[in-house]
PDB file of N, CA and C in Angstrom:
ATOM      1  N   MET A   1       8.269   5.309  36.581  1.00  0.00           N
ATOM      2  CA  MET A   1       7.236   4.510  35.493  1.00  0.00           C
ATOM      3  C   MET A   1       6.546   5.390  34.820  1.00  0.00           C
ATOM      4  N   THR A   2       6.426   5.065  33.383  1.00  0.00           N
ATOM      5  CA  THR A   2       5.890   6.187  32.586  1.00  0.00           C
ATOM      6  C   THR A   2       4.436   5.730  32.450  1.00  0.00           C
ATOM      7  N   GLN A   3       3.583   6.651  32.021  1.00  0.00           N
ATOM      8  CA  GLN A   3       2.195   6.251  31.629  1.00  0.00           C
ATOM      9  C   GLN A   3       2.055   6.309  30.007  1.00  0.00           C
ATOM     10  N   ALA A   4       1.496   5.270  29.753  1.00  0.00           N
ATOM     11  CA  ALA A   4       1.043   5.044  28.319  1.00  0.00           C
ATOM     12  C   ALA A   4       0.060   6.121  27.884  1.00  0.00           C
ATOM     13  N   ASN A   5       0.307   6.593  26.709  1.00  0.00           N
ATOM     14  CA  ASN A   5      -0.492   7.321  26.112  1.00  0.00           C
ATOM     15  C   ASN A   5      -1.746   6.232  25.554  1.00  0.00           C
ATOM     16  N   VAL A   6      -3.214   6.732  25.688  1.00  0.00           N
ATOM     17  CA  VAL A   6      -4.140   5.792  25.296  1.00  0.00           C
ATOM     18  C   VAL A   6      -5.125   6.793  24.553  1.00  0.00           C
ATOM     19  N   THR A   7      -5.213   6.310  23.315  1.00  0.00           N
ATOM     20  CA  THR A   7      -6.268   7.041  22.580  1.00  0.00           C
ATOM     21  C   THR A   7      -7.471   6.227  22.575  1.00  0.00           C
ATOM     22  N   THR A   8      -8.745   6.962  22.762  1.00  0.00           N
ATOM     23  CA  THR A   8     -10.007   6.026  22.817  1.00  0.00           C
ATOM     24  C   THR A   8     -10.743   6.375  21.599  1.00  0.00           C
ATOM     25  N   THR A   9     -11.484   5.809  21.067  1.00  0.00           N
ATOM     26  CA  THR A   9     -12.320   5.909  19.908  1.00  0.00           C
ATOM     27  C   THR A   9     -13.672   5.629  20.010  1.00  0.00           C
ATOM     28  N   SER A  10     -14.658   6.579  19.583  1.00  0.00           N
ATOM     29  CA  SER A  10     -16.068   6.301  19.981  1.00  0.00           C
ATOM     30  C   SER A  10     -16.493   4.797  19.240  1.00  0.00           C
ATOM     31  N   THR A  11     -16.961   4.086  19.839  1.00  0.00           N
ATOM     32  CA  THR A  11     -17.556   2.836  19.182  1.00  0.00           C
ATOM     33  C   THR A  11     -19.147   2.839  18.827  1.00  0.00           C
ATOM     34  N   SER A  12     -19.606   4.165  19.362  1.00  0.00           N
ATOM     35  CA  SER A  12     -20.992   4.300  18.697  1.00  0.00           C
ATOM     36  C   SER A  12     -21.090   4.936  17.346  1.00  0.00           C
ATOM     37  N   LEU A  13     -22.301   4.317  16.976  1.00  0.00           N
ATOM     38  CA  LEU A  13     -22.414   4.990  15.352  1.00  0.00           C
ATOM     39  C   LEU A  13     -23.512   6.068  15.604  1.00  0.00           C
ATOM     40  N   ASN A  14     -23.240   7.402  15.223  1.00  0.00           N
ATOM     41  CA  ASN A  14     -23.930   8.505  15.499  1.00  0.00           C
ATOM     42  C   ASN A  14     -24.261   9.344  14.368  1.00  0.00           C
ATOM     43  N   ASN A  15     -24.647   8.542  13.188  1.00  0.00           N
ATOM     44  CA  ASN A  15     -25.075   8.989  11.774  1.00  0.00           C
ATOM     45  C   ASN A  15     -26.677   8.604  11.729  1.00  0.00           C
ATOM     46  N   ALA A  16     -27.554   9.794  11.901  1.00  0.00           N
ATOM     47  CA  ALA A  16     -28.839   9.341  11.840  1.00  0.00           C
ATOM     48  C   ALA A  16     -29.091   8.543  10.606  1.00  0.00           C
ATOM     49  N   GLN A  17     -28.980   8.902   9.454  1.00  0.00           N
ATOM     50  CA  GLN A  17     -29.382   8.289   8.209  1.00  0.00           C
ATOM     51  C   GLN A  17     -28.654   6.981   8.204  1.00  0.00           C
ATOM     52  N   GLY A  18     -27.520   6.984   8.378  1.00  0.00           N
ATOM     53  CA  GLY A  18     -26.689   5.632   8.294  1.00  0.00           C
ATOM     54  C   GLY A  18     -27.309   4.443   9.211  1.00  0.00           C
ATOM     55  N   ASN A  19     -27.664   5.101  10.553  1.00  0.00           N
ATOM     56  CA  ASN A  19     -28.474   4.193  11.363  1.00  0.00           C
ATOM     57  C   ASN A  19     -29.611   3.680  10.811  1.00  0.00           C
ATOM     58  N   ASN A  20     -30.568   4.565  10.057  1.00  0.00           N
ATOM     59  CA  ASN A  20     -31.762   4.205   9.696  1.00  0.00           C
ATOM     60  C   ASN A  20     -31.600   3.046   8.465  1.00  0.00           C
ATOM     61  N   ASP A  21     -30.439   3.273   7.799  1.00  0.00           N
ATOM     62  CA  ASP A  21     -30.089   2.616   6.637  1.00  0.00           C
ATOM     63  C   ASP A  21     -29.691   1.028   7.207  1.00  0.00           C
ATOM     64  N   LEU A  22     -29.093   0.896   8.409  1.00  0.00           N
ATOM     65  CA  LEU A  22     -28.677  -0.353   8.888  1.00  0.00           C
ATOM     66  C   LEU A  22     -29.707  -0.989   9.612  1.00  0.00           C
ATOM     67  N   LEU A  23     -30.663  -0.237  10.172  1.00  0.00           N
ATOM     68  CA  LEU A  23     -31.922  -0.987  10.694  1.00  0.00           C
ATOM     69  C   LEU A  23     -32.577  -1.488   9.574  1.00  0.00           C
ATOM     70  N   ASP A  24     -32.898  -0.444   8.549  1.00  0.00           N
ATOM     71  CA  ASP A  24     -33.655  -0.938   7.271  1.00  0.00           C
ATOM     72  C   ASP A  24     -33.240  -2.261   6.932  1.00  0.00           C
ATOM     73  N   THR A  25     -31.815  -2.157   6.632  1.00  0.00           N
ATOM     74  CA  THR A  25     -31.066  -3.605   6.054  1.00  0.00           C
ATOM     75  C   THR A  25     -31.203  -4.800   6.936  1.00  0.00           C
ATOM     76  N   LEU A  26     -31.217  -4.745   8.108  1.00  0.00           N
ATOM     77  CA  LEU A  26     -31.398  -5.726   8.977  1.00  0.00           C
ATOM     78  C   LEU A  26     -32.898  -6.080   8.854  1.00  0.00           C
ATOM     79  N   VAL A  27     -33.689  -5.190   8.825  1.00  0.00           N
ATOM     80  CA  VAL A  27     -35.250  -5.704   8.614  1.00  0.00           C
ATOM     81  C   VAL A  27     -35.443  -6.461   7.275  1.00  0.00           C
ATOM     82  N   LEU A  28     -35.097  -6.073   6.164  1.00  0.00           N
ATOM     83  CA  LEU A  28     -35.104  -6.361   5.031  1.00  0.00           C
ATOM     84  C   LEU A  28     -34.533  -7.766   4.763  1.00  0.00           C
ATOM     85  N   GLN A  29     -33.129  -7.983   5.232  1.00  0.00           N
ATOM     86  CA  GLN A  29     -32.126  -9.058   5.136  1.00  0.00           C
ATOM     87  C   GLN A  29     -32.837 -10.078   5.896  1.00  0.00           C
ATOM     88  N   HIS A  30     -33.280  -9.896   7.140  1.00  0.00           N
ATOM     89  CA  HIS A  30     -33.953 -11.191   7.959  1.00  0.00           C
ATOM     90  C   HIS A  30     -35.290 -11.245   7.773  1.00  0.00           C
ATOM     91  N   SER A  31     -36.037 -10.606   6.817  1.00  0.00           N
ATOM     92  CA  SER A  31     -37.629 -10.853   6.813  1.00  0.00           C
ATOM     93  C   SER A  31     -38.323 -10.594   8.241  1.00  0.00           C
ATOM     94  N   LEU A  32     -37.950  -9.546   8.564  1.00  0.00           N
ATOM     95  CA  LEU A  32     -38.844  -8.888   9.875  1.00  0.00           C
ATOM     96  C   LEU A  32     -39.802  -8.155   9.379  1.00  0.00           C
ATOM     97  N   LYS A  33     -40.943  -8.139  10.072  1.00  0.00           N
ATOM     98  CA  LYS A  33     -42.207  -7.414   9.621  1.00  0.00           C
ATOM     99  C   LYS A  33     -42.065  -5.895   9.947  1.00  0.00           C
ATOM    100  N   ASN A  34     -41.456  -5.633  10.975  1.00  0.00           N
ATOM    101  CA  ASN A  34     -41.346  -4.028  11.425  1.00  0.00           C
ATOM    102  C   ASN A  34     -40.296  -3.816  12.643  1.00  0.00           C
ATOM    103  N   ASP A  35     -40.015  -2.495  12.978  1.00  0.00           N
ATOM    104  CA  ASP A  35     -39.121  -2.179  13.948  1.00  0.00           C
ATOM    105  C   ASP A  35     -39.512  -2.992  15.264  1.00  0.00           C
ATOM    106  N   ALA A  36     -40.623  -3.528  15.465  1.00  0.00           N
ATOM    107  CA  ALA A  36     -40.971  -3.955  16.770  1.00  0.00           C
ATOM    108  C   ALA A  36     -40.495  -5.557  16.679  1.00  0.00           C
ATOM    109  N   ALA A  37     -40.539  -5.901  15.360  1.00  0.00           N
ATOM    110  CA  ALA A  37     -39.866  -7.490  15.301  1.00  0.00           C
ATOM    111  C   ALA A  37     -38.296  -7.433  15.508  1.00  0.00           C
ATOM    112  N   LEU A  38     -37.821  -6.320  14.860  1.00  0.00           N
ATOM    113  CA  LEU A  38     -36.285  -5.947  15.065  1.00  0.00           C
ATOM    114  C   LEU A  38     -35.952  -5.948  16.809  1.00  0.00           C
ATOM    115  N   ALA A  39     -36.934  -5.201  17.535  1.00  0.00           N
ATOM    116  CA  ALA A  39     -36.585  -4.939  18.724  1.00  0.00           C
ATOM    117  C   ALA A  39     -36.534  -6.410  19.578  1.00  0.00           C
ATOM    118  N   ARG A  40     -37.730  -7.126  19.141  1.00  0.00           N
ATOM    119  CA  ARG A  40     -37.640  -8.309  19.777  1.00  0.00           C
ATOM    120  C   ARG A  40     -36.654  -9.170  19.574  1.00  0.00           C
ATOM    121  N   ALA A  41     -36.094  -9.222  18.403  1.00  0.00           N
ATOM    122  CA  ALA A  41     -34.922 -10.145  17.756  1.00  0.00           C
ATOM    123  C   ALA A  41     -33.564  -9.700  18.527  1.00  0.00           C
ATOM    124  N   LEU A  42     -33.635  -8.425  18.702  1.00  0.00           N
ATOM    125  CA  LEU A  42     -32.323  -7.840  19.567  1.00  0.00           C
ATOM    126  C   LEU A  42     -32.533  -7.900  21.157  1.00  0.00           C
ATOM    127  N   GLU A  43     -33.605  -8.115  21.420  1.00  0.00           N
ATOM    128  CA  GLU A  43     -34.095  -8.341  22.891  1.00  0.00           C
ATOM    129  C   GLU A  43     -33.729  -6.755  23.563  1.00  0.00           C
ATOM    130  N   VAL A  44     -34.314  -5.639  22.727  1.00  0.00           N
ATOM    131  CA  VAL A  44     -34.309  -4.303  23.489  1.00  0.00           C
ATOM    132  C   VAL A  44     -35.728  -3.746  23.321  1.00  0.00           C
ATOM    133  N   ALA A  45     -35.884  -3.057  24.041  1.00  0.00           N
ATOM    134  CA  ALA A  45     -37.294  -2.348  24.117  1.00  0.00           C
ATOM    135  C   ALA A  45     -37.701  -1.458  22.755  1.00  0.00           C
ATOM    136  N   PRO A  46     -38.778  -1.341  22.263  1.00  0.00           N
ATOM    137  CA  PRO A  46     -38.988  -1.019  20.939  1.00  0.00           C
ATOM    138  C   PRO A  46     -38.658   0.495  20.960  1.00  0.00           C
ATOM    139  N   PRO A  47     -38.690   1.319  22.329  1.00  0.00           N
ATOM    140  CA  PRO A  47     -38.491   2.944  22.103  1.00  0.00           C
ATOM    141  C   PRO A  47     -37.066   3.137  21.721  1.00  0.00           C
ATOM    142  N   VAL A  48     -36.251   1.862  21.890  1.00  0.00           N
ATOM    143  CA  VAL A  48     -34.522   2.222  21.610  1.00  0.00           C
ATOM    144  C   VAL A  48     -34.572   1.951  20.174  1.00  0.00           C
ATOM    145  N   ILE A  49     -35.281   1.335  19.505  1.00  0.00           N
ATOM    146  CA  ILE A  49     -35.069   1.424  18.023  1.00  0.00           C
ATOM    147  C   ILE A  49     -35.624   2.663  17.323  1.00  0.00           C
ATOM    148  N   SER A  50     -36.622   3.145  18.138  1.00  0.00           N
ATOM    149  CA  SER A  50     -37.341   4.402  17.709  1.00  0.00           C
ATOM    150  C   SER A  50     -36.560   5.596  17.848  1.00  0.00           C
ATOM    151  N   LYS A  51     -35.829   5.645  19.100  1.00  0.00           N
ATOM    152  CA  LYS A  51     -34.835   6.751  19.363  1.00  0.00           C
ATOM    153  C   LYS A  51     -33.633   6.732  18.396  1.00  0.00           C
ATOM    154  N   ILE A  52     -33.078   5.461  17.924  1.00  0.00           N
ATOM    155  CA  ILE A  52     -32.173   5.658  16.853  1.00  0.00           C
ATOM    156  C   ILE A  52     -32.738   5.929  15.699  1.00  0.00           C
ATOM    157  N   ARG A  53     -33.899   5.608  15.193  1.00  0.00           N
ATOM    158  CA  ARG A  53     -34.268   6.215  13.960  1.00  0.00           C
ATOM    159  C   ARG A  53     -34.469   7.683  13.893  1.00  0.00           C
ATOM    160  N   HIS A  54     -34.736   8.324  15.108  1.00  0.00           N
ATOM    161  CA  HIS A  54     -35.093   9.675  15.235  1.00  0.00           C
ATOM    162  C   HIS A  54     -33.976  10.580  15.554  1.00  0.00           C
ATOM    163  N   GLY A  55     -32.613   9.619  15.467  1.00  0.00           N
ATOM    164  CA  GLY A  55     -31.430  10.407  15.693  1.00  0.00           C
ATOM    165  C   GLY A  55     -31.124  11.060  17.340  1.00  0.00           C
ATOM    166  N   ARG A  56     -32.025  10.354  18.090  1.00  0.00           N
ATOM    167  CA  ARG A  56     -31.875  10.802  19.594  1.00  0.00           C
ATOM    168  C   ARG A  56     -31.097   9.729  20.237  1.00  0.00           C
ATOM    169  N   LEU A  57     -30.535   8.692  19.769  1.00  0.00           N
ATOM    170  CA  LEU A  57     -29.767   7.765  20.271  1.00  0.00           C
ATOM    171  C   LEU A  57     -28.834   7.013  19.249  1.00  0.00           C
ATOM    172  N   PRO A  58     -27.517   6.900  19.543  1.00  0.00           N
ATOM    173  CA  PRO A  58     -26.672   6.438  18.684  1.00  0.00           C
ATOM    174  C   PRO A  58     -26.631   4.987  18.802  1.00  0.00           C
ATOM    175  N   ILE A  59     -26.266   4.118  17.832  1.00  0.00           N
ATOM    176  CA  ILE A  59     -26.290   2.811  17.987  1.00  0.00           C
ATOM    177  C   ILE A  59     -24.930   2.399  18.824  1.00  0.00           C
ATOM    178  N   GLY A  60     -24.850   2.027  19.942  1.00  0.00           N
ATOM    179  CA  GLY A  60     -23.844   1.932  20.787  1.00  0.00           C
ATOM    180  C   GLY A  60     -22.962   0.542  20.768  1.00  0.00           C
ATOM    181  N   ALA A  61     -21.884   0.349  21.444  1.00  0.00           N
ATOM    182  CA  ALA A  61     -21.228  -0.789  20.894  1.00  0.00           C
ATOM    183  C   ALA A  61     -22.010  -2.013  21.387  1.00  0.00           C
ATOM    184  N   SER A  62     -22.676  -1.964  22.749  1.00  0.00           N
ATOM    185  CA  SER A  62     -23.279  -3.223  22.954  1.00  0.00           C
ATOM    186  C   SER A  62     -24.436  -3.832  22.185  1.00  0.00           C
ATOM    187  N   LEU A  63     -25.440  -2.567  21.505  1.00  0.00           N
ATOM    188  CA  LEU A  63     -26.046  -2.871  20.241  1.00  0.00           C
ATOM    189  C   LEU A  63     -25.618  -3.440  19.127  1.00  0.00           C
ATOM    190  N   LEU A  64     -24.385  -2.878  18.856  1.00  0.00           N
ATOM    191  CA  LEU A  64     -23.690  -3.387  17.646  1.00  0.00           C
ATOM    192  C   LEU A  64     -23.315  -4.829  17.680  1.00  0.00           C
ATOM    193  N   ILE A  65     -22.668  -5.265  18.981  1.00  0.00           N
ATOM    194  CA  ILE A  65     -22.403  -6.591  19.266  1.00  0.00           C
ATOM    195  C   ILE A  65     -23.687  -7.464  19.280  1.00  0.00           C
ATOM    196  N   ARG A  66     -24.802  -6.953  19.807  1.00  0.00           N
ATOM    197  CA  ARG A  66     -26.081  -7.714  19.695  1.00  0.00           C
ATOM    198  C   ARG A  66     -26.493  -8.128  18.124  1.00  0.00           C
ATOM    199  N   MET A  67     -26.365  -7.043  17.381  1.00  0.00           N
ATOM    200  CA  MET A  67     -26.604  -7.371  16.037  1.00  0.00           C
ATOM    201  C   MET A  67     -25.663  -8.417  15.458  1.00  0.00           C
ATOM    202  N   HIS A  68     -24.486  -8.311  15.579  1.00  0.00           N
ATOM    203  CA  HIS A  68     -23.424  -9.344  15.394  1.00  0.00           C
ATOM    204  C   HIS A  68     -23.692 -10.774  15.628  1.00  0.00           C
ATOM    205  N   GLU A  69     -24.210 -10.813  16.965  1.00  0.00           N
ATOM    206  CA  GLU A  69     -24.404 -11.948  17.537  1.00  0.00           C
ATOM    207  C   GLU A  69     -25.942 -12.732  16.783  1.00  0.00           C
ATOM    208  N   VAL A  70     -26.791 -11.894  16.809  1.00  0.00           N
ATOM    209  CA  VAL A  70     -28.322 -12.271  16.311  1.00  0.00           C
ATOM    210  C   VAL A  70     -28.457 -12.425  15.127  1.00  0.00           C
ATOM    211  N   PHE A  71     -27.835 -11.683  14.087  1.00  0.00           N
ATOM    212  CA  PHE A  71     -27.746 -11.924  12.627  1.00  0.00           C
ATOM    213  C   PHE A  71     -26.777 -12.482  11.847  1.00  0.00           C
ATOM    214  N   ASP A  72     -25.513 -12.725  12.748  1.00  0.00           N
ATOM    215  CA  ASP A  72     -24.546 -13.292  12.258  1.00  0.00           C
ATOM    216  C   ASP A  72     -23.728 -12.343  10.989  1.00  0.00           C
ATOM    217  N   VAL A  73     -23.775 -11.076  11.326  1.00  0.00           N
ATOM    218  CA  VAL A  73     -23.156 -10.230  10.449  1.00  0.00           C
ATOM    219  C   VAL A  73     -21.976  -9.532  11.004  1.00  0.00           C
ATOM    220  N   SER A  74     -20.743  -9.608  10.316  1.00  0.00           N
ATOM    221  CA  SER A  74     -19.565  -8.899  10.960  1.00  0.00           C
ATOM    222  C   SER A  74     -19.711  -7.564  11.317  1.00  0.00           C
ATOM    223  N   ILE A  75     -18.992  -7.236  12.539  1.00  0.00           N
ATOM    224  CA  ILE A  75     -19.196  -5.842  12.977  1.00  0.00           C
ATOM    225  C   ILE A  75     -18.739  -4.914  11.881  1.00  0.00           C
ATOM    226  N   ARG A  76     -17.588  -5.243  11.159  1.00  0.00           N
ATOM    227  CA  ARG A  76     -17.177  -4.652  10.106  1.00  0.00           C
ATOM    228  C   ARG A  76     -18.087  -4.140   8.927  1.00  0.00           C
ATOM    229  N   GLU A  77     -18.954  -4.982   8.525  1.00  0.00           N
ATOM    230  CA  GLU A  77     -19.980  -5.031   7.837  1.00  0.00           C
ATOM    231  C   GLU A  77     -21.240  -3.994   8.299  1.00  0.00           C
ATOM    232  N   LEU A  78     -21.566  -4.421   9.523  1.00  0.00           N
ATOM    233  CA  LEU A  78     -22.425  -3.409  10.333  1.00  0.00           C
ATOM    234  C   LEU A  78     -22.146  -1.948  10.125  1.00  0.00           C
ATOM    235  N   LYS A  79     -20.758  -1.754  10.593  1.00  0.00           N
ATOM    236  CA  LYS A  79     -20.231  -0.357  10.404  1.00  0.00           C
ATOM    237  C   LYS A  79     -20.080   0.312   9.084  1.00  0.00           C
ATOM    238  N   ARG A  80     -19.833  -0.638   8.141  1.00  0.00           N
ATOM    239  CA  ARG A  80     -19.899  -0.109   6.793  1.00  0.00           C
ATOM    240  C   ARG A  80     -21.282   0.396   6.187  1.00  0.00           C
ATOM    241  N   VAL A  81     -22.219  -0.320   6.745  1.00  0.00           N
ATOM    242  CA  VAL A  81     -23.732  -0.085   6.381  1.00  0.00           C
ATOM    243  C   VAL A  81     -23.898   1.313   6.779  1.00  0.00           C
ATOM    244  N   ALA A  82     -23.657   1.404   8.056  1.00  0.00           N
ATOM    245  CA  ALA A  82     -24.309   2.563   8.854  1.00  0.00           C
ATOM    246  C   ALA A  82     -23.594   3.944   8.458  1.00  0.00           C
ATOM    247  N   ARG A  83     -22.249   3.645   8.034  1.00  0.00           N
ATOM    248  CA  ARG A  83     -21.411   4.887   7.756  1.00  0.00           C
ATOM    249  C   ARG A  83     -21.363   5.145   6.425  1.00  0.00           C
ATOM    250  N   ALA A  84     -22.312   4.317   5.449  1.00  0.00           N
ATOM    251  CA  ALA A  84     -22.207   4.706   4.154  1.00  0.00           C
ATOM    252  C   ALA A  84     -22.804   6.068   3.916  1.00  0.00           C
ATOM    253  N   GLU A  85     -22.088   6.932   2.913  1.00  0.00           N
ATOM    254  CA  GLU A  85     -22.288   8.143   2.741  1.00  0.00           C
ATOM    255  C   GLU A  85     -23.621   8.215   1.850  1.00  0.00           C
ATOM    256  N   VAL A  86     -24.659   8.986   1.908  1.00  0.00           N
ATOM    257  CA  VAL A  86     -25.575   9.325   1.140  1.00  0.00           C
ATOM    258  C   VAL A  86     -25.419  10.458  -0.219  1.00  0.00           C
ATOM    259  N   PRO A  87     -25.613  10.214  -1.252  1.00  0.00           N
ATOM    260  CA  PRO A  87     -25.193  11.002  -2.302  1.00  0.00           C
ATOM    261  C   PRO A  87     -26.118  12.393  -2.374  1.00  0.00           C
ATOM    262  N   ALA A  88     -25.600  13.239  -2.218  1.00  0.00           N
ATOM    263  CA  ALA A  88     -26.429  14.766  -2.206  1.00  0.00           C
ATOM    264  C   ALA A  88     -27.129  15.075  -3.469  1.00  0.00           C
TER     265      ALA A  88
END
């Protein structure tokens, strides 16, 4: 029996500026007042959003899926916004 080679890829978004852009986009597009309202909508503790904003926590797969479920935005679109390059 042979063992298949499995390549795993990271499903977390670990780009602090891109993650801030994603959070800002969700707040603006869904008329949320602030990060606390975003945290309530996503059913996460407010410090989670703060840690993401300050680059201490990536947006993991479970939070990405939660954003998709709550805001009806495709995972592909969420990733696109978070990974957008900022011009120098």
